[in-house]
Amino acid sequence: MKKINNFLILTILLTLFTACTKKTEASDLDKLRNSNNTKSYPAVQMDSMQAINSITKQKVQELLDLSTLTLVVTEIPK
């Protein structure tokens, strides 16, 4: 009986301890305020032709992805 009481008290204390720990997560505003945009720009400078080729490749890939999705959606039986 004494072991059960000690176990219950220990369990309650551990539960209270873990429940009372304050977990603060940064809000979206703080994330935006403290972020920097170094990842959004390429590390290497491109000339205009390289930039045009890169954008064209991205657009073609997006077009292929969308056409694949369209084919998949139209083939789903209703």
PDB file of N, CA and C in Angstrom:
ATOM      1  N   MET A   1       0.825  -1.196   0.000  1.00  0.00           N
ATOM      2  CA  MET A   1       0.000   0.000   0.000  1.00  0.00           C
ATOM      3  C   MET A   1       0.870   1.262   0.000  1.00  0.00           C
ATOM      4  N   LYS A   2       1.948   1.204   0.761  1.00  0.00           N
ATOM      5  CA  LYS A   2       2.824   2.360   0.845  1.00  0.00           C
ATOM      6  C   LYS A   2       3.532   2.593  -0.499  1.00  0.00           C
ATOM      7  N   LYS A   3       3.883   1.477  -1.188  1.00  0.00           N
ATOM      8  CA  LYS A   3       4.530   1.610  -2.488  1.00  0.00           C
ATOM      9  C   LYS A   3       3.580   2.232  -3.500  1.00  0.00           C
ATOM     10  N   ILE A   4       2.325   1.847  -3.445  1.00  0.00           N
ATOM     11  CA  ILE A   4       1.332   2.386  -4.371  1.00  0.00           C
ATOM     12  C   ILE A   4       1.137   3.878  -4.130  1.00  0.00           C
ATOM     13  N   ASN A   5       1.057   4.269  -2.853  1.00  0.00           N
ATOM     14  CA  ASN A   5       0.905   5.699  -2.519  1.00  0.00           C
ATOM     15  C   ASN A   5       2.115   6.501  -2.989  1.00  0.00           C
ATOM     16  N   ASN A   6       3.311   5.964  -2.758  1.00  0.00           N
ATOM     17  CA  ASN A   6       4.527   6.656  -3.197  1.00  0.00           C
ATOM     18  C   ASN A   6       4.554   6.778  -4.723  1.00  0.00           C
ATOM     19  N   PHE A   7       4.132   5.704  -5.392  1.00  0.00           N
ATOM     20  CA  PHE A   7       4.104   5.726  -6.851  1.00  0.00           C
ATOM     21  C   PHE A   7       3.102   6.755  -7.360  1.00  0.00           C
ATOM     22  N   LEU A   8       1.931   6.811  -6.741  1.00  0.00           N
ATOM     23  CA  LEU A   8       0.925   7.788  -7.157  1.00  0.00           C
ATOM     24  C   LEU A   8       1.396   9.212  -6.919  1.00  0.00           C
ATOM     25  N   ILE A   9       2.003   9.456  -5.779  1.00  0.00           N
ATOM     26  CA  ILE A   9       2.514  10.798  -5.468  1.00  0.00           C
ATOM     27  C   ILE A   9       3.614  11.189  -6.458  1.00  0.00           C
ATOM     28  N   LEU A  10       4.499  10.247  -6.749  1.00  0.00           N
ATOM     29  CA  LEU A  10       5.570  10.519  -7.710  1.00  0.00           C
ATOM     30  C   LEU A  10       4.994  10.802  -9.101  1.00  0.00           C
ATOM     31  N   THR A  11       4.011  10.035  -9.496  1.00  0.00           N
ATOM     32  CA  THR A  11       3.377  10.233 -10.799  1.00  0.00           C
ATOM     33  C   THR A  11       2.687  11.589 -10.870  1.00  0.00           C
ATOM     34  N   ILE A  12       1.989  11.960  -9.809  1.00  0.00           N
ATOM     35  CA  ILE A  12       1.306  13.256  -9.783  1.00  0.00           C
ATOM     36  C   ILE A  12       2.317  14.397  -9.829  1.00  0.00           C
ATOM     37  N   LEU A  13       3.410  14.276  -9.083  1.00  0.00           N
ATOM     38  CA  LEU A  13       4.435  15.322  -9.080  1.00  0.00           C
ATOM     39  C   LEU A  13       5.095  15.445 -10.453  1.00  0.00           C
ATOM     40  N   LEU A  14       5.390  14.334 -11.086  1.00  0.00           N
ATOM     41  CA  LEU A  14       5.992  14.388 -12.422  1.00  0.00           C
ATOM     42  C   LEU A  14       5.036  14.996 -13.437  1.00  0.00           C
ATOM     43  N   THR A  15       3.761  14.651 -13.310  1.00  0.00           N
ATOM     44  CA  THR A  15       2.758  15.213 -14.215  1.00  0.00           C
ATOM     45  C   THR A  15       2.642  16.718 -14.026  1.00  0.00           C
ATOM     46  N   LEU A  16       2.619  17.166 -12.795  1.00  0.00           N
ATOM     47  CA  LEU A  16       2.552  18.601 -12.517  1.00  0.00           C
ATOM     48  C   LEU A  16       3.790  19.327 -13.028  1.00  0.00           C
ATOM     49  N   PHE A  17       4.944  18.698 -12.840  1.00  0.00           N
ATOM     50  CA  PHE A  17       6.192  19.325 -13.278  1.00  0.00           C
ATOM     51  C   PHE A  17       6.216  19.477 -14.797  1.00  0.00           C
ATOM     52  N   THR A  18       5.824  18.426 -15.508  1.00  0.00           N
ATOM     53  CA  THR A  18       5.852  18.516 -16.970  1.00  0.00           C
ATOM     54  C   THR A  18       4.748  19.430 -17.495  1.00  0.00           C
ATOM     55  N   ALA A  19       3.627  19.505 -16.796  1.00  0.00           N
ATOM     56  CA  ALA A  19       2.538  20.363 -17.248  1.00  0.00           C
ATOM     57  C   ALA A  19       2.841  21.837 -16.996  1.00  0.00           C
ATOM     58  N   CYS A  20       3.633  22.116 -15.987  1.00  0.00           N
ATOM     59  CA  CYS A  20       3.906  23.505 -15.629  1.00  0.00           C
ATOM     60  C   CYS A  20       5.087  24.109 -16.375  1.00  0.00           C
ATOM     61  N   THR A  21       5.850  23.311 -17.082  1.00  0.00           N
ATOM     62  CA  THR A  21       6.969  23.893 -17.810  1.00  0.00           C
ATOM     63  C   THR A  21       6.428  24.721 -18.955  1.00  0.00           C
ATOM     64  N   LYS A  22       6.899  25.939 -19.042  1.00  0.00           N
ATOM     65  CA  LYS A  22       6.377  26.875 -20.033  1.00  0.00           C
ATOM     66  C   LYS A  22       7.133  26.679 -21.343  1.00  0.00           C
ATOM     67  N   LYS A  23       6.381  26.360 -22.362  1.00  0.00           N
ATOM     68  CA  LYS A  23       6.969  26.176 -23.680  1.00  0.00           C
ATOM     69  C   LYS A  23       6.547  27.357 -24.535  1.00  0.00           C
ATOM     70  N   THR A  24       7.501  28.202 -24.818  1.00  0.00           N
ATOM     71  CA  THR A  24       7.186  29.376 -25.629  1.00  0.00           C
ATOM     72  C   THR A  24       7.680  29.132 -27.043  1.00  0.00           C
ATOM     73  N   GLU A  25       6.809  29.348 -27.987  1.00  0.00           N
ATOM     74  CA  GLU A  25       7.159  29.214 -29.386  1.00  0.00           C
ATOM     75  C   GLU A  25       7.028  30.590 -30.019  1.00  0.00           C
ATOM     76  N   ALA A  26       7.962  30.891 -30.864  1.00  0.00           N
ATOM     77  CA  ALA A  26       7.965  32.213 -31.486  1.00  0.00           C
ATOM     78  C   ALA A  26       6.740  32.371 -32.380  1.00  0.00           C
ATOM     79  N   SER A  27       6.133  33.528 -32.297  1.00  0.00           N
ATOM     80  CA  SER A  27       4.971  33.800 -33.144  1.00  0.00           C
ATOM     81  C   SER A  27       5.424  34.050 -34.579  1.00  0.00           C
ATOM     82  N   ASP A  28       4.467  34.062 -35.490  1.00  0.00           N
ATOM     83  CA  ASP A  28       4.788  34.303 -36.895  1.00  0.00           C
ATOM     84  C   ASP A  28       5.404  35.681 -37.096  1.00  0.00           C
ATOM     85  N   LEU A  29       4.929  36.644 -36.338  1.00  0.00           N
ATOM     86  CA  LEU A  29       5.474  37.992 -36.451  1.00  0.00           C
ATOM     87  C   LEU A  29       6.938  38.025 -36.017  1.00  0.00           C
ATOM     88  N   ASP A  30       7.261  37.331 -34.933  1.00  0.00           N
ATOM     89  CA  ASP A  30       8.648  37.278 -34.487  1.00  0.00           C
ATOM     90  C   ASP A  30       9.533  36.545 -35.492  1.00  0.00           C
ATOM     91  N   LYS A  31       8.982  35.482 -36.089  1.00  0.00           N
ATOM     92  CA  LYS A  31       9.758  34.754 -37.098  1.00  0.00           C
ATOM     93  C   LYS A  31      10.065  35.657 -38.282  1.00  0.00           C
ATOM     94  N   LEU A  32       9.068  36.434 -38.722  1.00  0.00           N
ATOM     95  CA  LEU A  32       9.301  37.342 -39.839  1.00  0.00           C
ATOM     96  C   LEU A  32      10.270  38.462 -39.472  1.00  0.00           C
ATOM     97  N   ARG A  33      10.133  38.962 -38.256  1.00  0.00           N
ATOM     98  CA  ARG A  33      10.984  40.067 -37.824  1.00  0.00           C
ATOM     99  C   ARG A  33      12.442  39.628 -37.724  1.00  0.00           C
ATOM    100  N   ASN A  34      12.676  38.399 -37.280  1.00  0.00           N
ATOM    101  CA  ASN A  34      14.040  37.943 -37.030  1.00  0.00           C
ATOM    102  C   ASN A  34      14.630  37.135 -38.180  1.00  0.00           C
ATOM    103  N   SER A  35      13.895  36.977 -39.261  1.00  0.00           N
ATOM    104  CA  SER A  35      14.408  36.177 -40.361  1.00  0.00           C
ATOM    105  C   SER A  35      15.207  37.051 -41.316  1.00  0.00           C
ATOM    106  N   ASN A  36      16.027  36.387 -42.085  1.00  0.00           N
ATOM    107  CA  ASN A  36      16.723  37.087 -43.158  1.00  0.00           C
ATOM    108  C   ASN A  36      16.478  36.316 -44.436  1.00  0.00           C
ATOM    109  N   ASN A  37      16.694  36.928 -45.544  1.00  0.00           N
ATOM    110  CA  ASN A  37      16.353  36.326 -46.821  1.00  0.00           C
ATOM    111  C   ASN A  37      17.577  35.820 -47.573  1.00  0.00           C
ATOM    112  N   THR A  38      18.578  35.346 -46.852  1.00  0.00           N
ATOM    113  CA  THR A  38      19.783  34.879 -47.531  1.00  0.00           C
ATOM    114  C   THR A  38      19.530  33.623 -48.338  1.00  0.00           C
ATOM    115  N   LYS A  39      18.546  32.812 -47.947  1.00  0.00           N
ATOM    116  CA  LYS A  39      18.281  31.578 -48.676  1.00  0.00           C
ATOM    117  C   LYS A  39      17.480  31.818 -49.949  1.00  0.00           C
ATOM    118  N   SER A  40      16.864  32.959 -50.083  1.00  0.00           N
ATOM    119  CA  SER A  40      16.018  33.204 -51.245  1.00  0.00           C
ATOM    120  C   SER A  40      16.809  33.678 -52.462  1.00  0.00           C
ATOM    121  N   TYR A  41      18.056  34.029 -52.270  1.00  0.00           N
ATOM    122  CA  TYR A  41      18.876  34.471 -53.386  1.00  0.00           C
ATOM    123  C   TYR A  41      19.976  33.445 -53.640  1.00  0.00           C
ATOM    124  N   PRO A  42      20.310  33.214 -54.901  1.00  0.00           N
ATOM    125  CA  PRO A  42      21.373  32.249 -55.183  1.00  0.00           C
ATOM    126  C   PRO A  42      22.721  32.770 -54.694  1.00  0.00           C
ATOM    127  N   ALA A  43      23.571  31.849 -54.327  1.00  0.00           N
ATOM    128  CA  ALA A  43      24.881  32.238 -53.810  1.00  0.00           C
ATOM    129  C   ALA A  43      25.776  32.763 -54.926  1.00  0.00           C
ATOM    130  N   VAL A  44      25.522  32.294 -56.139  1.00  0.00           N
ATOM    131  CA  VAL A  44      26.349  32.697 -57.275  1.00  0.00           C
ATOM    132  C   VAL A  44      25.584  33.721 -58.101  1.00  0.00           C
ATOM    133  N   GLN A  45      26.266  34.757 -58.501  1.00  0.00           N
ATOM    134  CA  GLN A  45      25.638  35.767 -59.349  1.00  0.00           C
ATOM    135  C   GLN A  45      25.498  35.207 -60.769  1.00  0.00           C
ATOM    136  N   MET A  46      24.323  35.421 -61.381  1.00  0.00           N
ATOM    137  CA  MET A  46      24.085  34.931 -62.728  1.00  0.00           C
ATOM    138  C   MET A  46      23.983  36.109 -63.685  1.00  0.00           C
ATOM    139  N   ASP A  47      24.413  35.871 -64.917  1.00  0.00           N
ATOM    140  CA  ASP A  47      24.168  36.891 -65.924  1.00  0.00           C
ATOM    141  C   ASP A  47      22.748  36.727 -66.447  1.00  0.00           C
ATOM    142  N   SER A  48      22.324  37.583 -67.338  1.00  0.00           N
ATOM    143  CA  SER A  48      20.924  37.595 -67.750  1.00  0.00           C
ATOM    144  C   SER A  48      20.521  36.311 -68.470  1.00  0.00           C
ATOM    145  N   MET A  49      21.393  35.741 -69.287  1.00  0.00           N
ATOM    146  CA  MET A  49      21.047  34.517 -70.009  1.00  0.00           C
ATOM    147  C   MET A  49      20.903  33.341 -69.047  1.00  0.00           C
ATOM    148  N   GLN A  50      21.775  33.259 -68.061  1.00  0.00           N
ATOM    149  CA  GLN A  50      21.662  32.185 -67.082  1.00  0.00           C
ATOM    150  C   GLN A  50      20.377  32.331 -66.276  1.00  0.00           C
ATOM    151  N   ALA A  51      20.019  33.561 -65.943  1.00  0.00           N
ATOM    152  CA  ALA A  51      18.786  33.790 -65.193  1.00  0.00           C
ATOM    153  C   ALA A  51      17.567  33.413 -66.028  1.00  0.00           C
ATOM    154  N   ILE A  52      17.583  33.784 -67.313  1.00  0.00           N
ATOM    155  CA  ILE A  52      16.467  33.434 -68.198  1.00  0.00           C
ATOM    156  C   ILE A  52      16.355  31.923 -68.344  1.00  0.00           C
ATOM    157  N   ASN A  53      17.478  31.239 -68.508  1.00  0.00           N
ATOM    158  CA  ASN A  53      17.459  29.779 -68.636  1.00  0.00           C
ATOM    159  C   ASN A  53      16.950  29.119 -67.358  1.00  0.00           C
ATOM    160  N   SER A  54      17.370  29.635 -66.222  1.00  0.00           N
ATOM    161  CA  SER A  54      16.922  29.066 -64.948  1.00  0.00           C
ATOM    162  C   SER A  54      15.421  29.236 -64.769  1.00  0.00           C
ATOM    163  N   ILE A  55      14.918  30.432 -65.067  1.00  0.00           N
ATOM    164  CA  ILE A  55      13.482  30.687 -64.944  1.00  0.00           C
ATOM    165  C   ILE A  55      12.694  29.836 -65.930  1.00  0.00           C
ATOM    166  N   THR A  56      13.216  29.692 -67.145  1.00  0.00           N
ATOM    167  CA  THR A  56      12.542  28.876 -68.155  1.00  0.00           C
ATOM    168  C   THR A  56      12.463  27.425 -67.708  1.00  0.00           C
ATOM    169  N   LYS A  57      13.548  26.892 -67.150  1.00  0.00           N
ATOM    170  CA  LYS A  57      13.538  25.515 -66.650  1.00  0.00           C
ATOM    171  C   LYS A  57      12.505  25.348 -65.538  1.00  0.00           C
ATOM    172  N   GLN A  58      12.428  26.319 -64.640  1.00  0.00           N
ATOM    173  CA  GLN A  58      11.449  26.245 -63.555  1.00  0.00           C
ATOM    174  C   GLN A  58      10.027  26.260 -64.101  1.00  0.00           C
ATOM    175  N   LYS A  59       9.760  27.135 -65.063  1.00  0.00           N
ATOM    176  CA  LYS A  59       8.416  27.240 -65.633  1.00  0.00           C
ATOM    177  C   LYS A  59       8.033  25.977 -66.398  1.00  0.00           C
ATOM    178  N   VAL A  60       8.974  25.408 -67.143  1.00  0.00           N
ATOM    179  CA  VAL A  60       8.698  24.172 -67.871  1.00  0.00           C
ATOM    180  C   VAL A  60       8.412  23.040 -66.885  1.00  0.00           C
ATOM    181  N   GLN A  61       9.185  22.978 -65.799  1.00  0.00           N
ATOM    182  CA  GLN A  61       8.940  21.948 -64.795  1.00  0.00           C
ATOM    183  C   GLN A  61       7.569  22.125 -64.157  1.00  0.00           C
ATOM    184  N   GLU A  62       7.180  23.354 -63.870  1.00  0.00           N
ATOM    185  CA  GLU A  62       5.851  23.605 -63.313  1.00  0.00           C
ATOM    186  C   GLU A  62       4.764  23.186 -64.295  1.00  0.00           C
ATOM    187  N   LEU A  63       4.965  23.477 -65.573  1.00  0.00           N
ATOM    188  CA  LEU A  63       3.991  23.090 -66.591  1.00  0.00           C
ATOM    189  C   LEU A  63       3.857  21.576 -66.689  1.00  0.00           C
ATOM    190  N   LEU A  64       4.981  20.876 -66.638  1.00  0.00           N
ATOM    191  CA  LEU A  64       4.952  19.410 -66.669  1.00  0.00           C
ATOM    192  C   LEU A  64       4.247  18.845 -65.434  1.00  0.00           C
ATOM    193  N   ASP A  65       4.525  19.424 -64.275  1.00  0.00           N
ATOM    194  CA  ASP A  65       3.866  18.966 -63.041  1.00  0.00           C
ATOM    195  C   ASP A  65       2.357  19.178 -63.124  1.00  0.00           C
ATOM    196  N   LEU A  66       1.953  20.353 -63.600  1.00  0.00           N
ATOM    197  CA  LEU A  66       0.522  20.637 -63.712  1.00  0.00           C
ATOM    198  C   LEU A  66      -0.161  19.736 -64.730  1.00  0.00           C
ATOM    199  N   SER A  67       0.501  19.462 -65.844  1.00  0.00           N
ATOM    200  CA  SER A  67      -0.108  18.590 -66.848  1.00  0.00           C
ATOM    201  C   SER A  67      -0.224  17.161 -66.317  1.00  0.00           C
ATOM    202  N   THR A  68       0.772  16.734 -65.556  1.00  0.00           N
ATOM    203  CA  THR A  68       0.699  15.403 -64.950  1.00  0.00           C
ATOM    204  C   THR A  68      -0.448  15.336 -63.954  1.00  0.00           C
ATOM    205  N   LEU A  69      -0.598  16.371 -63.148  1.00  0.00           N
ATOM    206  CA  LEU A  69      -1.704  16.398 -62.190  1.00  0.00           C
ATOM    207  C   LEU A  69      -3.046  16.419 -62.894  1.00  0.00           C
ATOM    208  N   THR A  70      -3.130  17.159 -63.997  1.00  0.00           N
ATOM    209  CA  THR A  70      -4.381  17.215 -64.752  1.00  0.00           C
ATOM    210  C   THR A  70      -4.737  15.854 -65.321  1.00  0.00           C
ATOM    211  N   LEU A  71      -3.730  15.140 -65.842  1.00  0.00           N
ATOM    212  CA  LEU A  71      -3.981  13.803 -66.370  1.00  0.00           C
ATOM    213  C   LEU A  71      -4.425  12.844 -65.271  1.00  0.00           C
ATOM    214  N   VAL A  72      -3.806  12.952 -64.113  1.00  0.00           N
ATOM    215  CA  VAL A  72      -4.164  12.077 -62.998  1.00  0.00           C
ATOM    216  C   VAL A  72      -5.573  12.374 -62.523  1.00  0.00           C
ATOM    217  N   VAL A  73      -5.931  13.650 -62.432  1.00  0.00           N
ATOM    218  CA  VAL A  73      -7.253  14.030 -61.925  1.00  0.00           C
ATOM    219  C   VAL A  73      -8.333  13.622 -62.913  1.00  0.00           C
ATOM    220  N   THR A  74      -8.087  13.755 -64.204  1.00  0.00           N
ATOM    221  CA  THR A  74      -9.106  13.414 -65.182  1.00  0.00           C
ATOM    222  C   THR A  74      -9.286  11.904 -65.331  1.00  0.00           C
ATOM    223  N   GLU A  75      -8.297  11.127 -64.945  1.00  0.00           N
ATOM    224  CA  GLU A  75      -8.394   9.675 -65.055  1.00  0.00           C
ATOM    225  C   GLU A  75      -9.021   9.029 -63.831  1.00  0.00           C
ATOM    226  N   ILE A  76      -9.265   9.781 -62.781  1.00  0.00           N
ATOM    227  CA  ILE A  76      -9.883   9.211 -61.589  1.00  0.00           C
ATOM    228  C   ILE A  76     -11.350   8.935 -61.867  1.00  0.00           C
ATOM    229  N   PRO A  77     -11.780   7.681 -61.715  1.00  0.00           N
ATOM    230  CA  PRO A  77     -13.199   7.391 -61.967  1.00  0.00           C
ATOM    231  C   PRO A  77     -14.094   8.003 -60.906  1.00  0.00           C
ATOM    232  N   LYS A  78     -15.245   8.460 -61.343  1.00  0.00           N
ATOM    233  CA  LYS A  78     -16.172   9.103 -60.408  1.00  0.00           C
ATOM    234  C   LYS A  78     -17.319   8.203 -60.068  1.00  0.00           C
TER     235      LYS A  78
END
